[in-house]
């Protein structure tokens, strides 16, 4: 079946998904710098104008492909019933979630710290688990009387576990093992937030 027939049959969400999958495939294959609209269009079996109408710049196209591959975050962080379990579950989630973007980790790492739309995208992806979710986890722990009230805890401390994991993933280019996550939680984070072991 010719590409021309394929073009006529795909519409709307089906076409957009095919375009974004093609963009992702090209990004994995050649990287951000060498990615071209022509190659993405050829991979998708369509034309460059079809891409340009939706995403006028390469950065917008790549951001859309990343968003397509990494759906919105869940509304709430994990709830295991105790602070240590919650923080470990959250860090495992971050590792797994970032693992979904492993093929383009080099691209994303190069953007961190720069004032670009892509670095802003990465910051937004880490914002929920790093600050909002961690505060939720700590507030739950305070209600269980595992720690004191969390209002006075600075953001730097609240975000510390996720920041360390993200550093390993993007700066050190390594995936933290379970033992690494436990070290972050047990040796650094829990002592700093004043964790009190649950009474048995």
N, C-alpha and C. Protein backbone atom coordinates (compact mmCIF):
# COMPACT_ATOMS: atom_id res chain seq x y z
N UNK A 1 0.85 -1.20 0.00
CA UNK A 1 0.00 0.00 0.00
C UNK A 1 0.88 1.25 0.00
N UNK A 2 0.58 2.21 -0.83
CA UNK A 2 1.43 3.39 -0.98
C UNK A 2 1.27 4.33 0.19
N UNK A 3 2.29 5.20 0.36
CA UNK A 3 2.22 6.22 1.40
C UNK A 3 1.06 7.16 1.14
N UNK A 4 0.77 7.42 -0.12
CA UNK A 4 -0.30 8.35 -0.45
C UNK A 4 -1.63 7.87 0.09
N UNK A 5 -1.90 6.54 -0.05
CA UNK A 5 -3.13 5.99 0.48
C UNK A 5 -3.15 6.10 1.99
N UNK A 6 -1.99 5.83 2.63
CA UNK A 6 -1.91 5.91 4.08
C UNK A 6 -2.21 7.32 4.56
N UNK A 7 -1.68 8.32 3.85
CA UNK A 7 -1.92 9.70 4.24
C UNK A 7 -3.39 10.04 4.24
N UNK A 8 -4.12 9.56 3.24
CA UNK A 8 -5.53 9.92 3.10
C UNK A 8 -6.38 9.29 4.20
N UNK A 9 -5.95 8.16 4.72
CA UNK A 9 -6.78 7.43 5.67
C UNK A 9 -6.57 7.88 7.12
N UNK A 10 -5.42 8.43 7.43
CA UNK A 10 -5.17 8.82 8.82
C UNK A 10 -5.64 10.24 9.06
N UNK A 11 -6.34 10.41 10.17
CA UNK A 11 -6.87 11.73 10.51
C UNK A 11 -6.77 11.94 12.02
N UNK A 12 -6.85 13.19 12.42
CA UNK A 12 -7.00 13.55 13.82
C UNK A 12 -5.99 12.91 14.75
N UNK A 13 -6.51 12.32 15.84
CA UNK A 13 -5.66 11.77 16.88
C UNK A 13 -4.79 10.63 16.36
N UNK A 14 -5.31 9.83 15.44
CA UNK A 14 -4.53 8.72 14.89
C UNK A 14 -3.31 9.24 14.14
N UNK A 15 -3.51 10.27 13.33
CA UNK A 15 -2.41 10.85 12.59
C UNK A 15 -1.40 11.50 13.53
N UNK A 16 -1.88 12.25 14.52
CA UNK A 16 -0.98 12.92 15.44
C UNK A 16 -0.14 11.91 16.22
N UNK A 17 -0.76 10.83 16.65
CA UNK A 17 0.00 9.80 17.38
C UNK A 17 1.08 9.20 16.49
N UNK A 18 0.75 8.97 15.22
CA UNK A 18 1.74 8.41 14.29
C UNK A 18 2.90 9.38 14.08
N UNK A 19 2.59 10.66 13.99
CA UNK A 19 3.64 11.67 13.82
C UNK A 19 4.56 11.72 15.04
N UNK A 20 3.96 11.68 16.22
CA UNK A 20 4.76 11.78 17.44
C UNK A 20 5.59 10.51 17.65
N UNK A 21 5.05 9.36 17.30
CA UNK A 21 5.83 8.13 17.38
C UNK A 21 7.01 8.18 16.41
N UNK A 22 6.78 8.74 15.24
CA UNK A 22 7.86 8.89 14.26
C UNK A 22 8.92 9.85 14.77
N UNK A 23 8.49 10.94 15.39
CA UNK A 23 9.44 11.91 15.94
C UNK A 23 10.27 11.26 17.04
N UNK A 24 9.61 10.49 17.90
CA UNK A 24 10.32 9.80 18.97
C UNK A 24 11.33 8.81 18.39
N UNK A 25 10.91 8.04 17.40
CA UNK A 25 11.80 7.07 16.77
C UNK A 25 13.02 7.73 16.16
N UNK A 26 12.81 8.87 15.54
CA UNK A 26 13.93 9.58 14.93
C UNK A 26 14.84 10.18 15.99
N UNK A 27 14.25 10.68 17.06
CA UNK A 27 15.03 11.24 18.17
C UNK A 27 15.94 10.17 18.78
N UNK A 28 15.40 8.98 18.98
CA UNK A 28 16.18 7.87 19.52
C UNK A 28 17.29 7.47 18.55
N UNK A 29 16.96 7.50 17.26
CA UNK A 29 17.91 7.01 16.25
C UNK A 29 19.08 7.96 16.02
N UNK A 30 18.82 9.27 15.97
CA UNK A 30 19.87 10.20 15.56
C UNK A 30 20.16 11.31 16.57
N UNK A 31 19.31 11.47 17.60
CA UNK A 31 19.51 12.54 18.56
C UNK A 31 18.85 13.84 18.12
N UNK A 32 18.82 14.79 19.05
CA UNK A 32 18.11 16.04 18.81
C UNK A 32 18.74 16.88 17.69
N UNK A 33 20.07 17.02 17.74
CA UNK A 33 20.74 17.91 16.79
C UNK A 33 20.56 17.46 15.35
N UNK A 34 20.56 16.16 15.11
CA UNK A 34 20.49 15.64 13.74
C UNK A 34 19.06 15.35 13.29
N UNK A 35 18.10 15.51 14.17
CA UNK A 35 16.71 15.26 13.81
C UNK A 35 16.23 16.30 12.80
N UNK A 36 15.57 15.86 11.74
CA UNK A 36 15.04 16.77 10.72
C UNK A 36 13.57 16.48 10.46
N UNK A 37 12.85 17.50 10.04
CA UNK A 37 11.44 17.31 9.68
C UNK A 37 11.31 16.33 8.53
N UNK A 38 12.22 16.38 7.59
CA UNK A 38 12.15 15.49 6.44
C UNK A 38 12.23 14.04 6.86
N UNK A 39 13.16 13.73 7.79
CA UNK A 39 13.31 12.35 8.24
C UNK A 39 12.10 11.89 9.03
N UNK A 40 11.56 12.77 9.88
CA UNK A 40 10.37 12.41 10.65
C UNK A 40 9.18 12.18 9.72
N UNK A 41 9.01 13.07 8.74
CA UNK A 41 7.91 12.93 7.79
C UNK A 41 8.04 11.63 7.00
N UNK A 42 9.25 11.31 6.59
CA UNK A 42 9.48 10.07 5.84
C UNK A 42 9.16 8.86 6.70
N UNK A 43 9.58 8.90 7.96
CA UNK A 43 9.32 7.79 8.88
C UNK A 43 7.82 7.62 9.11
N UNK A 44 7.09 8.74 9.15
CA UNK A 44 5.65 8.69 9.39
C UNK A 44 4.83 8.46 8.12
N UNK A 45 5.50 8.52 6.98
CA UNK A 45 4.78 8.35 5.72
C UNK A 45 3.89 9.52 5.40
N UNK A 46 4.39 10.74 5.65
CA UNK A 46 3.60 11.94 5.40
C UNK A 46 4.52 13.01 4.82
N UNK A 47 4.10 14.26 4.87
CA UNK A 47 4.90 15.34 4.30
C UNK A 47 5.30 16.34 5.38
N UNK A 48 6.35 17.10 5.10
CA UNK A 48 6.82 18.09 6.07
C UNK A 48 5.76 19.13 6.44
N UNK A 49 4.97 19.63 5.48
CA UNK A 49 3.95 20.62 5.86
C UNK A 49 2.97 20.11 6.92
N UNK A 50 2.68 18.80 6.90
CA UNK A 50 1.79 18.24 7.91
C UNK A 50 2.40 18.41 9.30
N UNK A 51 3.71 18.24 9.42
CA UNK A 51 4.40 18.44 10.69
C UNK A 51 4.46 19.92 11.07
N UNK A 52 4.84 20.75 10.11
CA UNK A 52 5.00 22.18 10.39
C UNK A 52 3.70 22.84 10.84
N UNK A 53 2.57 22.36 10.30
CA UNK A 53 1.29 22.95 10.70
C UNK A 53 1.01 22.72 12.18
N UNK A 54 1.44 21.60 12.71
CA UNK A 54 1.19 21.27 14.11
C UNK A 54 2.29 21.79 15.03
N UNK A 55 3.53 21.66 14.60
CA UNK A 55 4.68 22.03 15.44
C UNK A 55 5.65 22.85 14.59
N UNK A 56 5.55 24.17 14.67
CA UNK A 56 6.34 25.05 13.80
C UNK A 56 7.86 24.98 14.02
N UNK A 57 8.30 24.50 15.20
CA UNK A 57 9.73 24.40 15.45
C UNK A 57 10.09 22.99 15.88
N UNK A 58 11.36 22.64 15.68
CA UNK A 58 11.82 21.31 16.06
C UNK A 58 11.67 21.09 17.56
N UNK A 59 11.96 22.11 18.34
CA UNK A 59 11.85 21.98 19.79
C UNK A 59 10.40 21.66 20.19
N UNK A 60 9.44 22.33 19.56
CA UNK A 60 8.03 22.05 19.86
C UNK A 60 7.67 20.62 19.49
N UNK A 61 8.18 20.15 18.37
CA UNK A 61 7.92 18.78 17.94
C UNK A 61 8.47 17.78 18.95
N UNK A 62 9.71 18.01 19.40
CA UNK A 62 10.34 17.09 20.35
C UNK A 62 9.62 17.13 21.69
N UNK A 63 9.24 18.33 22.14
CA UNK A 63 8.49 18.43 23.40
C UNK A 63 7.18 17.66 23.32
N UNK A 64 6.51 17.77 22.17
CA UNK A 64 5.25 17.04 21.99
C UNK A 64 5.50 15.53 22.00
N UNK A 65 6.59 15.09 21.39
CA UNK A 65 6.92 13.66 21.39
C UNK A 65 7.22 13.17 22.80
N UNK A 66 7.93 13.98 23.58
CA UNK A 66 8.21 13.62 24.97
C UNK A 66 6.91 13.52 25.77
N UNK A 67 6.04 14.51 25.59
CA UNK A 67 4.76 14.49 26.28
C UNK A 67 3.92 13.29 25.90
N UNK A 68 4.00 12.89 24.64
CA UNK A 68 3.26 11.72 24.16
C UNK A 68 3.77 10.45 24.81
N UNK A 69 5.10 10.37 25.01
CA UNK A 69 5.70 9.19 25.59
C UNK A 69 5.63 9.17 27.12
N UNK A 70 5.45 10.34 27.73
CA UNK A 70 5.40 10.44 29.20
C UNK A 70 4.08 11.10 29.59
N UNK A 71 3.03 10.32 29.77
CA UNK A 71 1.70 10.86 30.09
C UNK A 71 1.72 11.66 31.39
N UNK A 72 0.64 12.41 31.67
CA UNK A 72 0.58 13.21 32.90
C UNK A 72 0.79 12.38 34.15
N UNK A 73 1.35 13.03 35.16
CA UNK A 73 1.59 12.35 36.43
C UNK A 73 0.27 12.00 37.12
N UNK A 74 0.25 10.92 37.90
CA UNK A 74 -0.93 10.63 38.72
C UNK A 74 -1.22 11.77 39.69
N UNK A 75 -2.42 11.81 40.19
CA UNK A 75 -2.83 12.92 41.06
C UNK A 75 -2.16 12.88 42.42
N UNK A 76 -1.86 11.70 42.93
CA UNK A 76 -1.34 11.56 44.29
C UNK A 76 -0.08 10.71 44.30
N UNK A 77 0.81 10.96 45.26
CA UNK A 77 2.00 10.12 45.43
C UNK A 77 1.63 8.78 46.05
N UNK A 78 2.55 7.82 46.04
CA UNK A 78 2.28 6.52 46.66
C UNK A 78 1.97 6.66 48.15
N UNK A 79 1.14 5.77 48.66
CA UNK A 79 0.80 5.77 50.09
C UNK A 79 0.95 4.34 50.61
N UNK A 80 2.07 4.09 51.30
CA UNK A 80 2.36 2.75 51.81
C UNK A 80 2.01 2.60 53.28
N UNK A 81 1.71 3.71 53.94
CA UNK A 81 1.35 3.65 55.36
C UNK A 81 2.42 4.10 56.32
N UNK A 82 3.64 4.34 55.83
CA UNK A 82 4.67 4.90 56.70
C UNK A 82 5.62 5.74 55.87
N UNK A 83 6.35 6.65 56.52
CA UNK A 83 7.17 7.64 55.82
C UNK A 83 8.26 6.98 54.99
N UNK A 84 8.99 6.07 55.58
CA UNK A 84 10.09 5.44 54.84
C UNK A 84 9.58 4.75 53.57
N UNK A 85 8.51 3.99 53.72
CA UNK A 85 7.95 3.30 52.56
C UNK A 85 7.46 4.26 51.50
N UNK A 86 6.83 5.37 51.93
CA UNK A 86 6.32 6.36 50.98
C UNK A 86 7.45 7.00 50.18
N UNK A 87 8.53 7.39 50.87
CA UNK A 87 9.63 8.07 50.18
C UNK A 87 10.32 7.10 49.22
N UNK A 88 10.54 5.88 49.66
CA UNK A 88 11.15 4.89 48.77
C UNK A 88 10.28 4.62 47.55
N UNK A 89 8.98 4.51 47.76
CA UNK A 89 8.07 4.27 46.64
C UNK A 89 8.09 5.43 45.67
N UNK A 90 8.16 6.65 46.20
CA UNK A 90 8.20 7.83 45.35
C UNK A 90 9.49 7.85 44.52
N UNK A 91 10.61 7.53 45.15
CA UNK A 91 11.89 7.53 44.43
C UNK A 91 11.92 6.42 43.38
N UNK A 92 11.34 5.28 43.70
CA UNK A 92 11.25 4.22 42.68
C UNK A 92 10.42 4.68 41.49
N UNK A 93 9.35 5.41 41.78
CA UNK A 93 8.50 5.95 40.72
C UNK A 93 9.31 6.88 39.81
N UNK A 94 10.10 7.77 40.42
CA UNK A 94 10.92 8.70 39.64
C UNK A 94 11.89 7.95 38.73
N UNK A 95 12.54 6.92 39.28
CA UNK A 95 13.49 6.14 38.50
C UNK A 95 12.78 5.44 37.34
N UNK A 96 11.64 4.82 37.62
CA UNK A 96 10.90 4.12 36.58
C UNK A 96 10.41 5.09 35.51
N UNK A 97 9.86 6.22 35.96
CA UNK A 97 9.33 7.21 35.04
C UNK A 97 10.42 7.76 34.13
N UNK A 98 11.56 8.05 34.72
CA UNK A 98 12.67 8.56 33.92
C UNK A 98 13.22 7.48 33.01
N UNK A 99 13.14 6.24 33.46
CA UNK A 99 13.58 5.14 32.62
C UNK A 99 12.81 5.07 31.32
N UNK A 100 11.55 5.51 31.33
CA UNK A 100 10.76 5.53 30.10
C UNK A 100 11.36 6.46 29.07
N UNK A 101 12.15 7.45 29.54
CA UNK A 101 12.77 8.42 28.64
C UNK A 101 14.25 8.11 28.41
N UNK A 102 14.69 6.93 28.83
CA UNK A 102 16.10 6.57 28.74
C UNK A 102 16.70 6.75 27.35
N UNK A 103 15.97 6.42 26.27
CA UNK A 103 16.57 6.58 24.94
C UNK A 103 16.99 8.01 24.61
N UNK A 104 16.39 8.99 25.27
CA UNK A 104 16.73 10.39 24.96
C UNK A 104 17.30 11.09 26.19
N UNK A 105 17.82 10.31 27.14
CA UNK A 105 18.34 10.91 28.37
C UNK A 105 19.48 11.87 28.10
N UNK A 106 20.33 11.55 27.12
CA UNK A 106 21.45 12.44 26.79
C UNK A 106 20.94 13.79 26.29
N UNK A 107 19.89 13.75 25.49
CA UNK A 107 19.29 14.98 24.98
C UNK A 107 18.78 15.83 26.13
N UNK A 108 18.06 15.21 27.04
CA UNK A 108 17.46 15.93 28.15
C UNK A 108 18.54 16.44 29.11
N UNK A 109 19.56 15.63 29.36
CA UNK A 109 20.63 16.05 30.26
C UNK A 109 21.33 17.29 29.73
N UNK A 110 21.51 17.36 28.42
CA UNK A 110 22.18 18.51 27.82
C UNK A 110 21.38 19.79 27.99
N UNK A 111 20.07 19.65 28.18
CA UNK A 111 19.19 20.82 28.30
C UNK A 111 19.08 21.33 29.73
N UNK A 112 19.40 20.48 30.72
CA UNK A 112 19.24 20.88 32.10
C UNK A 112 20.12 22.09 32.42
N UNK A 113 19.55 23.04 33.14
CA UNK A 113 20.30 24.23 33.51
C UNK A 113 20.26 25.32 32.47
N UNK A 114 19.74 25.03 31.28
CA UNK A 114 19.63 26.04 30.25
C UNK A 114 18.23 26.66 30.28
N UNK A 115 18.14 27.86 29.82
CA UNK A 115 16.85 28.55 29.79
C UNK A 115 16.14 28.25 28.47
N UNK A 116 15.60 27.06 28.37
CA UNK A 116 14.92 26.63 27.15
C UNK A 116 13.58 26.02 27.50
N UNK A 117 12.75 25.86 26.48
CA UNK A 117 11.45 25.23 26.70
C UNK A 117 11.63 23.79 27.16
N UNK A 118 12.66 23.13 26.66
CA UNK A 118 12.84 21.73 27.03
C UNK A 118 13.29 21.59 28.49
N UNK A 119 14.17 22.50 28.94
CA UNK A 119 14.58 22.44 30.35
C UNK A 119 13.41 22.80 31.25
N UNK A 120 12.55 23.72 30.80
CA UNK A 120 11.35 24.05 31.57
C UNK A 120 10.42 22.84 31.64
N UNK A 121 10.34 22.09 30.54
CA UNK A 121 9.53 20.87 30.52
C UNK A 121 10.04 19.88 31.55
N UNK A 122 11.36 19.68 31.59
CA UNK A 122 11.94 18.74 32.54
C UNK A 122 11.70 19.20 33.98
N UNK A 123 11.81 20.51 34.20
CA UNK A 123 11.56 21.03 35.55
C UNK A 123 10.12 20.76 35.96
N UNK A 124 9.19 20.92 35.02
CA UNK A 124 7.78 20.68 35.33
C UNK A 124 7.52 19.21 35.61
N UNK A 125 8.26 18.32 34.93
CA UNK A 125 8.09 16.88 35.17
C UNK A 125 8.59 16.49 36.56
N UNK A 126 9.61 17.21 37.05
CA UNK A 126 10.17 16.89 38.36
C UNK A 126 9.49 17.65 39.49
N UNK A 127 8.74 18.68 39.13
CA UNK A 127 8.14 19.55 40.15
C UNK A 127 7.17 18.78 41.05
N UNK A 128 6.28 18.01 40.43
CA UNK A 128 5.27 17.30 41.22
C UNK A 128 5.87 16.32 42.21
N UNK A 129 6.67 15.33 41.74
CA UNK A 129 7.27 14.38 42.69
C UNK A 129 8.23 15.05 43.66
N UNK A 130 8.98 16.06 43.19
CA UNK A 130 10.02 16.63 44.02
C UNK A 130 9.52 17.49 45.16
N UNK A 131 8.53 18.29 44.93
CA UNK A 131 8.10 19.22 45.98
C UNK A 131 6.67 18.94 46.43
N UNK A 132 5.72 19.00 45.53
CA UNK A 132 4.32 18.83 45.92
C UNK A 132 4.06 17.45 46.52
N UNK A 133 4.54 16.42 45.81
CA UNK A 133 4.31 15.06 46.30
C UNK A 133 5.05 14.81 47.60
N UNK A 134 6.29 15.29 47.69
CA UNK A 134 7.05 15.03 48.91
C UNK A 134 6.43 15.73 50.11
N UNK A 135 5.92 16.93 49.90
CA UNK A 135 5.22 17.61 51.00
C UNK A 135 3.98 16.82 51.41
N UNK A 136 3.26 16.27 50.44
CA UNK A 136 2.10 15.44 50.76
C UNK A 136 2.53 14.23 51.60
N UNK A 137 3.62 13.59 51.20
CA UNK A 137 4.15 12.44 51.93
C UNK A 137 4.51 12.84 53.36
N UNK A 138 5.16 13.99 53.52
CA UNK A 138 5.57 14.45 54.84
C UNK A 138 4.36 14.84 55.69
N UNK A 139 3.37 15.46 55.08
CA UNK A 139 2.15 15.82 55.82
C UNK A 139 1.43 14.57 56.31
N UNK A 140 1.39 13.54 55.50
CA UNK A 140 0.79 12.28 55.94
C UNK A 140 1.55 11.73 57.15
N UNK A 141 2.90 11.80 57.07
CA UNK A 141 3.72 11.29 58.17
C UNK A 141 3.48 12.08 59.45
N UNK A 142 3.30 13.39 59.31
CA UNK A 142 3.03 14.22 60.49
C UNK A 142 1.69 13.83 61.12
N UNK A 143 0.69 13.55 60.28
CA UNK A 143 -0.62 13.13 60.81
C UNK A 143 -0.52 11.78 61.51
N UNK A 144 0.43 10.94 61.08
CA UNK A 144 0.64 9.65 61.74
C UNK A 144 1.58 9.78 62.94
N UNK A 145 2.01 11.02 63.22
CA UNK A 145 2.92 11.31 64.34
C UNK A 145 4.30 10.68 64.15
N UNK A 146 4.72 10.51 62.89
CA UNK A 146 6.07 10.01 62.62
C UNK A 146 7.08 11.15 62.65
N UNK A 147 6.65 12.36 62.32
CA UNK A 147 7.51 13.54 62.35
C UNK A 147 6.70 14.71 62.88
N UNK A 148 7.39 15.82 63.21
CA UNK A 148 6.70 17.03 63.62
C UNK A 148 6.07 17.70 62.40
N UNK A 149 5.34 18.78 62.63
CA UNK A 149 4.70 19.52 61.53
C UNK A 149 5.75 19.91 60.49
N UNK A 150 5.34 19.92 59.23
CA UNK A 150 6.30 20.11 58.14
C UNK A 150 6.33 21.54 57.61
N UNK A 151 5.52 22.44 58.16
CA UNK A 151 5.42 23.79 57.61
C UNK A 151 6.76 24.50 57.54
N UNK A 152 7.62 24.26 58.54
CA UNK A 152 8.88 25.00 58.61
C UNK A 152 9.99 24.36 57.78
N UNK A 153 9.76 23.20 57.22
CA UNK A 153 10.82 22.54 56.46
C UNK A 153 11.08 23.30 55.16
N UNK A 154 12.34 23.64 54.88
CA UNK A 154 12.65 24.38 53.64
C UNK A 154 12.48 23.49 52.41
N UNK A 155 12.20 24.13 51.29
CA UNK A 155 12.03 23.38 50.04
C UNK A 155 13.27 22.56 49.69
N UNK A 156 14.46 23.09 49.99
CA UNK A 156 15.69 22.36 49.67
C UNK A 156 15.72 21.00 50.36
N UNK A 157 15.25 20.95 51.58
CA UNK A 157 15.22 19.68 52.31
C UNK A 157 14.11 18.78 51.77
N UNK A 158 12.95 19.37 51.53
CA UNK A 158 11.83 18.58 51.01
C UNK A 158 12.18 17.92 49.69
N UNK A 159 12.86 18.64 48.82
CA UNK A 159 13.17 18.12 47.48
C UNK A 159 14.44 17.28 47.43
N UNK A 160 15.18 17.21 48.53
CA UNK A 160 16.50 16.57 48.52
C UNK A 160 16.50 15.16 47.92
N UNK A 161 15.63 14.24 48.34
CA UNK A 161 15.71 12.88 47.79
C UNK A 161 15.55 12.83 46.27
N UNK A 162 14.56 13.55 45.75
CA UNK A 162 14.33 13.53 44.30
C UNK A 162 15.47 14.22 43.56
N UNK A 163 15.98 15.32 44.11
CA UNK A 163 17.10 16.01 43.48
C UNK A 163 18.31 15.08 43.34
N UNK A 164 18.60 14.31 44.40
CA UNK A 164 19.74 13.39 44.35
C UNK A 164 19.53 12.30 43.30
N UNK A 165 18.31 11.80 43.21
CA UNK A 165 18.02 10.76 42.22
C UNK A 165 18.12 11.33 40.80
N UNK A 166 17.57 12.51 40.59
CA UNK A 166 17.63 13.13 39.27
C UNK A 166 19.08 13.44 38.89
N UNK A 167 19.89 13.84 39.87
CA UNK A 167 21.30 14.08 39.59
C UNK A 167 21.97 12.81 39.08
N UNK A 168 21.71 11.69 39.75
CA UNK A 168 22.29 10.42 39.29
C UNK A 168 21.84 10.09 37.88
N UNK A 169 20.55 10.28 37.62
CA UNK A 169 19.99 9.88 36.33
C UNK A 169 20.51 10.73 35.17
N UNK A 170 20.61 12.04 35.40
CA UNK A 170 20.92 12.93 34.28
C UNK A 170 22.35 13.46 34.28
N UNK A 171 22.91 13.72 35.44
CA UNK A 171 24.26 14.25 35.48
C UNK A 171 25.31 13.13 35.53
N UNK A 172 25.10 12.17 36.44
CA UNK A 172 26.04 11.05 36.54
C UNK A 172 25.78 9.99 35.49
N UNK A 173 24.65 10.07 34.79
CA UNK A 173 24.30 9.10 33.73
C UNK A 173 24.27 7.68 34.28
N UNK A 174 23.67 7.52 35.45
CA UNK A 174 23.54 6.18 36.01
C UNK A 174 22.17 6.06 36.66
N UNK A 175 21.65 4.83 36.67
CA UNK A 175 20.37 4.56 37.30
C UNK A 175 20.60 4.07 38.72
N UNK A 176 20.09 4.79 39.72
CA UNK A 176 20.33 4.37 41.11
C UNK A 176 19.74 2.98 41.38
N UNK A 177 20.50 2.17 42.09
CA UNK A 177 20.02 0.86 42.51
C UNK A 177 19.15 1.03 43.75
N UNK A 178 18.45 -0.03 44.12
CA UNK A 178 17.61 0.01 45.32
C UNK A 178 18.43 0.38 46.55
N UNK A 179 19.66 -0.13 46.64
CA UNK A 179 20.51 0.20 47.78
C UNK A 179 20.83 1.70 47.82
N UNK A 180 20.98 2.32 46.65
CA UNK A 180 21.23 3.76 46.60
C UNK A 180 20.04 4.54 47.13
N UNK A 181 18.85 4.11 46.73
CA UNK A 181 17.63 4.78 47.20
C UNK A 181 17.50 4.64 48.71
N UNK A 182 17.80 3.46 49.22
CA UNK A 182 17.71 3.25 50.67
C UNK A 182 18.73 4.11 51.41
N UNK A 183 19.92 4.26 50.85
CA UNK A 183 20.93 5.13 51.48
C UNK A 183 20.44 6.57 51.55
N UNK A 184 19.85 7.06 50.46
CA UNK A 184 19.33 8.43 50.44
C UNK A 184 18.28 8.61 51.52
N UNK A 185 17.38 7.65 51.63
CA UNK A 185 16.28 7.75 52.59
C UNK A 185 16.76 7.57 54.02
N UNK A 186 17.54 6.52 54.27
CA UNK A 186 17.90 6.15 55.65
C UNK A 186 19.04 6.98 56.23
N UNK A 187 20.03 7.30 55.39
CA UNK A 187 21.21 7.97 55.91
C UNK A 187 21.13 9.50 55.81
N UNK A 188 20.34 9.99 54.87
CA UNK A 188 20.28 11.44 54.66
C UNK A 188 18.92 12.04 55.05
N UNK A 189 17.87 11.56 54.41
CA UNK A 189 16.60 12.26 54.50
C UNK A 189 15.90 12.08 55.84
N UNK A 190 15.69 10.85 56.27
CA UNK A 190 14.94 10.63 57.50
C UNK A 190 15.59 11.28 58.72
N UNK A 191 16.91 11.18 58.88
CA UNK A 191 17.51 11.89 60.04
C UNK A 191 17.29 13.40 59.98
N UNK A 192 17.28 13.97 58.78
CA UNK A 192 17.13 15.42 58.66
C UNK A 192 15.71 15.90 58.94
N UNK A 193 14.72 15.07 58.64
CA UNK A 193 13.33 15.49 58.90
C UNK A 193 12.85 15.04 60.27
N UNK A 194 13.74 14.38 61.03
CA UNK A 194 13.38 14.02 62.41
C UNK A 194 12.43 12.86 62.49
N UNK A 195 12.62 11.87 61.63
CA UNK A 195 11.74 10.70 61.63
C UNK A 195 11.79 9.97 62.97
N UNK A 196 10.63 9.64 63.50
CA UNK A 196 10.52 8.83 64.71
C UNK A 196 9.96 7.47 64.32
N UNK A 197 10.71 6.40 64.57
CA UNK A 197 10.21 5.07 64.20
C UNK A 197 8.84 4.80 64.80
N UNK A 198 8.01 4.13 64.03
CA UNK A 198 6.66 3.80 64.51
C UNK A 198 6.73 2.85 65.69
N UNK A 199 5.86 3.07 66.66
CA UNK A 199 5.79 2.20 67.85
C UNK A 199 5.11 0.90 67.48
N UNK A 200 5.65 -0.20 67.97
CA UNK A 200 5.06 -1.50 67.69
C UNK A 200 4.36 -2.04 68.92
